Amino acid sequence: MDDQTRIEIEAAAFRALREHLMVKRTDVQNIDMMNLTGMCRNCLSRWYQEAANERGIEMTKEEGRVAFYGMSSAEWKEKYQTEASPDKQAEFKVAFKENVTDA
């Protein structure tokens, strides 16, 4: 497989993941994703932002979230985020510390 085809396939897989998380499974909470996998939608939006910045494209953290979420963080939270239990919040502190750096 040539590099261009590989890049296009990887991009298609990323778009499918984004669609799955942002349209089909809005019920899945970021805190649950982070606690189970060590990453969440915010991580994906941060990686998007970092990739843009590495290519000389100025993008803030919030602009990366809008690009990934299709809306602001505040809008997403208002529409889809639910209250996390104290146990989930405690798990999150551990998962965040173990998995997220320079966030």
N, C-alpha and C. Protein backbone atom coordinates (compact mmCIF):
# COMPACT_ATOMS: atom_id res chain seq x y z
N MET A 1 0.85 -1.17 0.00
CA MET A 1 0.00 0.00 0.00
C MET A 1 0.90 1.24 0.00
N ASP A 2 0.56 2.19 -0.85
CA ASP A 2 1.36 3.41 -0.91
C ASP A 2 0.96 4.35 0.24
N ASP A 3 1.84 5.32 0.54
CA ASP A 3 1.63 6.22 1.68
C ASP A 3 0.34 7.02 1.57
N GLN A 4 0.02 7.52 0.38
CA GLN A 4 -1.19 8.33 0.22
C GLN A 4 -2.44 7.51 0.52
N THR A 5 -2.48 6.28 0.03
CA THR A 5 -3.63 5.41 0.29
C THR A 5 -3.74 5.12 1.78
N ARG A 6 -2.61 4.84 2.43
CA ARG A 6 -2.61 4.58 3.87
C ARG A 6 -3.15 5.78 4.63
N ILE A 7 -2.70 6.98 4.28
CA ILE A 7 -3.17 8.21 4.92
C ILE A 7 -4.68 8.38 4.73
N GLU A 8 -5.17 8.11 3.54
CA GLU A 8 -6.60 8.24 3.27
C GLU A 8 -7.42 7.23 4.06
N ILE A 9 -6.92 6.01 4.20
CA ILE A 9 -7.61 4.98 4.98
C ILE A 9 -7.59 5.35 6.46
N GLU A 10 -6.45 5.82 6.96
CA GLU A 10 -6.38 6.26 8.36
C GLU A 10 -7.33 7.42 8.62
N ALA A 11 -7.40 8.36 7.69
CA ALA A 11 -8.32 9.50 7.84
C ALA A 11 -9.77 9.03 7.84
N ALA A 12 -10.10 8.08 6.99
CA ALA A 12 -11.47 7.55 6.95
C ALA A 12 -11.81 6.84 8.26
N ALA A 13 -10.87 6.10 8.80
CA ALA A 13 -11.10 5.42 10.08
C ALA A 13 -11.29 6.44 11.21
N PHE A 14 -10.50 7.51 11.20
CA PHE A 14 -10.64 8.58 12.20
C PHE A 14 -12.01 9.23 12.07
N ARG A 15 -12.44 9.53 10.85
CA ARG A 15 -13.76 10.15 10.66
C ARG A 15 -14.87 9.22 11.15
N ALA A 16 -14.72 7.91 10.92
CA ALA A 16 -15.72 6.96 11.41
C ALA A 16 -15.75 6.94 12.94
N LEU A 17 -14.59 6.99 13.57
CA LEU A 17 -14.51 7.04 15.03
C LEU A 17 -15.18 8.30 15.55
N ARG A 18 -14.87 9.42 14.94
CA ARG A 18 -15.47 10.69 15.34
C ARG A 18 -16.99 10.63 15.20
N GLU A 19 -17.47 10.16 14.08
CA GLU A 19 -18.92 10.04 13.84
C GLU A 19 -19.57 9.14 14.91
N HIS A 20 -18.91 8.04 15.21
CA HIS A 20 -19.44 7.11 16.20
C HIS A 20 -19.57 7.79 17.56
N LEU A 21 -18.53 8.50 17.99
CA LEU A 21 -18.53 9.14 19.30
C LEU A 21 -19.39 10.39 19.36
N MET A 22 -19.48 11.13 18.26
CA MET A 22 -20.14 12.42 18.29
C MET A 22 -21.60 12.37 17.86
N VAL A 23 -22.00 11.32 17.15
CA VAL A 23 -23.37 11.24 16.64
C VAL A 23 -24.10 10.01 17.17
N LYS A 24 -23.46 8.87 17.06
CA LYS A 24 -24.13 7.62 17.40
C LYS A 24 -24.11 7.31 18.89
N ARG A 25 -23.07 7.75 19.61
CA ARG A 25 -22.93 7.38 21.02
C ARG A 25 -22.68 8.60 21.91
N THR A 26 -23.53 9.59 21.78
CA THR A 26 -23.42 10.77 22.64
C THR A 26 -23.73 10.41 24.09
N ASP A 27 -24.34 9.24 24.30
CA ASP A 27 -24.66 8.79 25.66
C ASP A 27 -23.43 8.34 26.43
N VAL A 28 -22.37 7.98 25.74
CA VAL A 28 -21.14 7.54 26.40
C VAL A 28 -20.42 8.77 26.94
N GLN A 29 -20.19 8.79 28.22
CA GLN A 29 -19.58 9.94 28.87
C GLN A 29 -18.06 9.91 28.75
N ASN A 30 -17.46 11.10 28.61
CA ASN A 30 -16.00 11.21 28.54
C ASN A 30 -15.33 10.59 29.77
N ILE A 31 -15.91 10.81 30.93
CA ILE A 31 -15.30 10.28 32.15
C ILE A 31 -15.24 8.75 32.11
N ASP A 32 -16.27 8.13 31.57
CA ASP A 32 -16.27 6.67 31.45
C ASP A 32 -15.21 6.20 30.47
N MET A 33 -15.08 6.91 29.35
CA MET A 33 -14.05 6.58 28.37
C MET A 33 -12.66 6.70 29.00
N MET A 34 -12.43 7.80 29.71
CA MET A 34 -11.12 8.02 30.32
C MET A 34 -10.83 6.96 31.36
N ASN A 35 -11.82 6.65 32.17
CA ASN A 35 -11.61 5.66 33.23
C ASN A 35 -11.34 4.27 32.67
N LEU A 36 -11.95 3.94 31.53
CA LEU A 36 -11.77 2.61 30.93
C LEU A 36 -10.59 2.51 29.98
N THR A 37 -10.33 3.58 29.23
CA THR A 37 -9.34 3.49 28.15
C THR A 37 -8.15 4.42 28.29
N GLY A 38 -8.25 5.40 29.20
CA GLY A 38 -7.16 6.35 29.33
C GLY A 38 -7.20 7.45 28.29
N MET A 39 -8.30 7.54 27.54
CA MET A 39 -8.48 8.63 26.57
C MET A 39 -9.97 8.87 26.38
N CYS A 40 -10.28 10.07 25.87
CA CYS A 40 -11.68 10.43 25.66
C CYS A 40 -11.78 11.39 24.47
N ARG A 41 -12.94 11.94 24.26
CA ARG A 41 -13.14 12.88 23.17
C ARG A 41 -12.21 14.09 23.30
N ASN A 42 -12.00 14.56 24.53
CA ASN A 42 -11.11 15.71 24.72
C ASN A 42 -9.69 15.38 24.29
N CYS A 43 -9.25 14.14 24.54
CA CYS A 43 -7.92 13.72 24.09
C CYS A 43 -7.85 13.76 22.57
N LEU A 44 -8.88 13.22 21.92
CA LEU A 44 -8.90 13.23 20.45
C LEU A 44 -8.88 14.64 19.90
N SER A 45 -9.63 15.55 20.53
CA SER A 45 -9.62 16.94 20.05
C SER A 45 -8.26 17.60 20.32
N ARG A 46 -7.62 17.24 21.43
CA ARG A 46 -6.29 17.78 21.74
C ARG A 46 -5.26 17.26 20.73
N TRP A 47 -5.34 15.98 20.39
CA TRP A 47 -4.42 15.42 19.40
C TRP A 47 -4.63 16.09 18.04
N TYR A 48 -5.86 16.41 17.72
CA TYR A 48 -6.19 17.12 16.48
C TYR A 48 -5.53 18.50 16.50
N GLN A 49 -5.70 19.21 17.61
CA GLN A 49 -5.10 20.53 17.77
C GLN A 49 -3.58 20.46 17.68
N GLU A 50 -2.98 19.50 18.37
CA GLU A 50 -1.52 19.37 18.35
C GLU A 50 -1.01 19.06 16.96
N ALA A 51 -1.72 18.23 16.21
CA ALA A 51 -1.31 17.92 14.83
C ALA A 51 -1.36 19.17 13.96
N ALA A 52 -2.39 19.99 14.16
CA ALA A 52 -2.49 21.25 13.41
C ALA A 52 -1.34 22.17 13.78
N ASN A 53 -1.09 22.32 15.08
CA ASN A 53 -0.01 23.20 15.55
C ASN A 53 1.35 22.74 15.02
N GLU A 54 1.58 21.44 14.99
CA GLU A 54 2.85 20.90 14.47
C GLU A 54 3.06 21.24 13.00
N ARG A 55 1.97 21.48 12.30
CA ARG A 55 2.03 21.82 10.87
C ARG A 55 1.97 23.32 10.64
N GLY A 56 2.12 24.09 11.72
CA GLY A 56 2.13 25.55 11.60
C GLY A 56 0.75 26.17 11.54
N ILE A 57 -0.28 25.42 11.83
CA ILE A 57 -1.64 25.94 11.83
C ILE A 57 -1.99 26.32 13.27
N GLU A 58 -2.22 27.60 13.50
CA GLU A 58 -2.57 28.07 14.83
C GLU A 58 -3.96 27.58 15.19
N MET A 59 -4.07 26.88 16.30
CA MET A 59 -5.35 26.38 16.76
C MET A 59 -5.30 26.29 18.28
N THR A 60 -6.26 26.91 18.92
CA THR A 60 -6.34 26.85 20.38
C THR A 60 -6.99 25.53 20.80
N LYS A 61 -6.92 25.25 22.09
CA LYS A 61 -7.55 24.06 22.64
C LYS A 61 -9.05 24.07 22.33
N GLU A 62 -9.70 25.21 22.54
CA GLU A 62 -11.14 25.30 22.28
C GLU A 62 -11.44 25.16 20.79
N GLU A 63 -10.61 25.73 19.92
CA GLU A 63 -10.81 25.58 18.48
C GLU A 63 -10.67 24.11 18.06
N GLY A 64 -9.75 23.40 18.71
CA GLY A 64 -9.61 21.97 18.44
C GLY A 64 -10.85 21.21 18.86
N ARG A 65 -11.41 21.60 19.99
CA ARG A 65 -12.63 20.93 20.46
C ARG A 65 -13.80 21.22 19.52
N VAL A 66 -13.92 22.45 19.06
CA VAL A 66 -14.99 22.78 18.12
C VAL A 66 -14.80 21.99 16.82
N ALA A 67 -13.56 21.87 16.36
CA ALA A 67 -13.29 21.11 15.14
C ALA A 67 -13.67 19.65 15.30
N PHE A 68 -13.42 19.10 16.49
CA PHE A 68 -13.73 17.68 16.72
C PHE A 68 -15.19 17.46 17.10
N TYR A 69 -15.66 18.23 18.08
CA TYR A 69 -17.02 18.07 18.59
C TYR A 69 -18.09 18.61 17.65
N GLY A 70 -17.71 19.59 16.82
CA GLY A 70 -18.70 20.25 15.98
C GLY A 70 -19.48 21.32 16.74
N MET A 71 -19.04 21.63 17.94
CA MET A 71 -19.66 22.65 18.79
C MET A 71 -18.68 22.98 19.90
N SER A 72 -18.99 24.01 20.66
CA SER A 72 -18.12 24.39 21.77
C SER A 72 -18.21 23.36 22.89
N SER A 73 -17.23 23.38 23.76
CA SER A 73 -17.24 22.50 24.93
C SER A 73 -18.48 22.76 25.79
N ALA A 74 -18.81 24.02 25.95
CA ALA A 74 -19.97 24.38 26.77
C ALA A 74 -21.26 23.81 26.18
N GLU A 75 -21.40 23.89 24.85
CA GLU A 75 -22.60 23.33 24.21
C GLU A 75 -22.67 21.82 24.40
N TRP A 76 -21.52 21.13 24.20
CA TRP A 76 -21.49 19.68 24.36
C TRP A 76 -21.90 19.29 25.79
N LYS A 77 -21.30 19.95 26.76
CA LYS A 77 -21.60 19.64 28.17
C LYS A 77 -23.08 19.85 28.47
N GLU A 78 -23.63 20.95 27.96
CA GLU A 78 -25.04 21.25 28.21
C GLU A 78 -25.96 20.19 27.59
N LYS A 79 -25.62 19.74 26.39
CA LYS A 79 -26.47 18.78 25.68
C LYS A 79 -26.31 17.34 26.17
N TYR A 80 -25.09 16.93 26.48
CA TYR A 80 -24.82 15.50 26.66
C TYR A 80 -24.18 15.07 27.97
N GLN A 81 -23.51 15.97 28.66
CA GLN A 81 -22.77 15.54 29.85
C GLN A 81 -23.70 15.36 31.04
N THR A 82 -23.50 14.26 31.75
CA THR A 82 -24.28 14.01 32.97
C THR A 82 -23.36 14.12 34.18
N GLU A 83 -23.95 14.18 35.34
CA GLU A 83 -23.19 14.30 36.59
C GLU A 83 -22.47 12.98 36.87
N ALA A 84 -21.21 13.07 37.21
CA ALA A 84 -20.41 11.88 37.53
C ALA A 84 -20.45 11.63 39.03
N SER A 85 -20.52 10.37 39.38
CA SER A 85 -20.53 10.00 40.80
C SER A 85 -19.16 10.29 41.42
N PRO A 86 -19.12 10.40 42.74
CA PRO A 86 -17.83 10.60 43.41
C PRO A 86 -16.83 9.49 43.09
N ASP A 87 -17.30 8.25 42.97
CA ASP A 87 -16.41 7.14 42.62
C ASP A 87 -15.80 7.32 41.24
N LYS A 88 -16.64 7.72 40.26
CA LYS A 88 -16.13 7.96 38.91
C LYS A 88 -15.14 9.12 38.90
N GLN A 89 -15.42 10.15 39.68
CA GLN A 89 -14.52 11.30 39.74
C GLN A 89 -13.17 10.90 40.34
N ALA A 90 -13.19 10.04 41.34
CA ALA A 90 -11.94 9.56 41.94
C ALA A 90 -11.15 8.71 40.95
N GLU A 91 -11.84 7.83 40.22
CA GLU A 91 -11.18 7.02 39.19
C GLU A 91 -10.57 7.91 38.12
N PHE A 92 -11.30 8.98 37.76
CA PHE A 92 -10.83 9.90 36.73
C PHE A 92 -9.53 10.57 37.13
N LYS A 93 -9.41 10.99 38.38
CA LYS A 93 -8.17 11.63 38.84
C LYS A 93 -6.97 10.72 38.60
N VAL A 94 -7.14 9.44 38.87
CA VAL A 94 -6.06 8.47 38.65
C VAL A 94 -5.80 8.30 37.16
N ALA A 95 -6.87 8.09 36.38
CA ALA A 95 -6.72 7.87 34.94
C ALA A 95 -6.09 9.08 34.26
N PHE A 96 -6.51 10.28 34.66
CA PHE A 96 -5.95 11.50 34.07
C PHE A 96 -4.47 11.60 34.38
N LYS A 97 -4.11 11.37 35.63
CA LYS A 97 -2.70 11.48 36.03
C LYS A 97 -1.85 10.46 35.27
N GLU A 98 -2.38 9.26 35.07
CA GLU A 98 -1.62 8.19 34.40
C GLU A 98 -1.54 8.37 32.89
N ASN A 99 -2.51 9.06 32.28
CA ASN A 99 -2.61 9.06 30.82
C ASN A 99 -2.48 10.39 30.13
N VAL A 100 -2.67 11.48 30.84
CA VAL A 100 -2.67 12.78 30.17
C VAL A 100 -1.50 13.61 30.69
N THR A 101 -0.71 14.07 29.76
CA THR A 101 0.39 14.98 30.11
C THR A 101 0.25 16.22 29.25
N ASP A 102 0.67 17.35 29.79
CA ASP A 102 0.63 18.62 29.06
C ASP A 102 -0.76 18.94 28.54
N ALA A 103 -1.80 18.56 29.26
CA ALA A 103 -3.16 18.81 28.79
C ALA A 103 -3.64 20.18 29.17
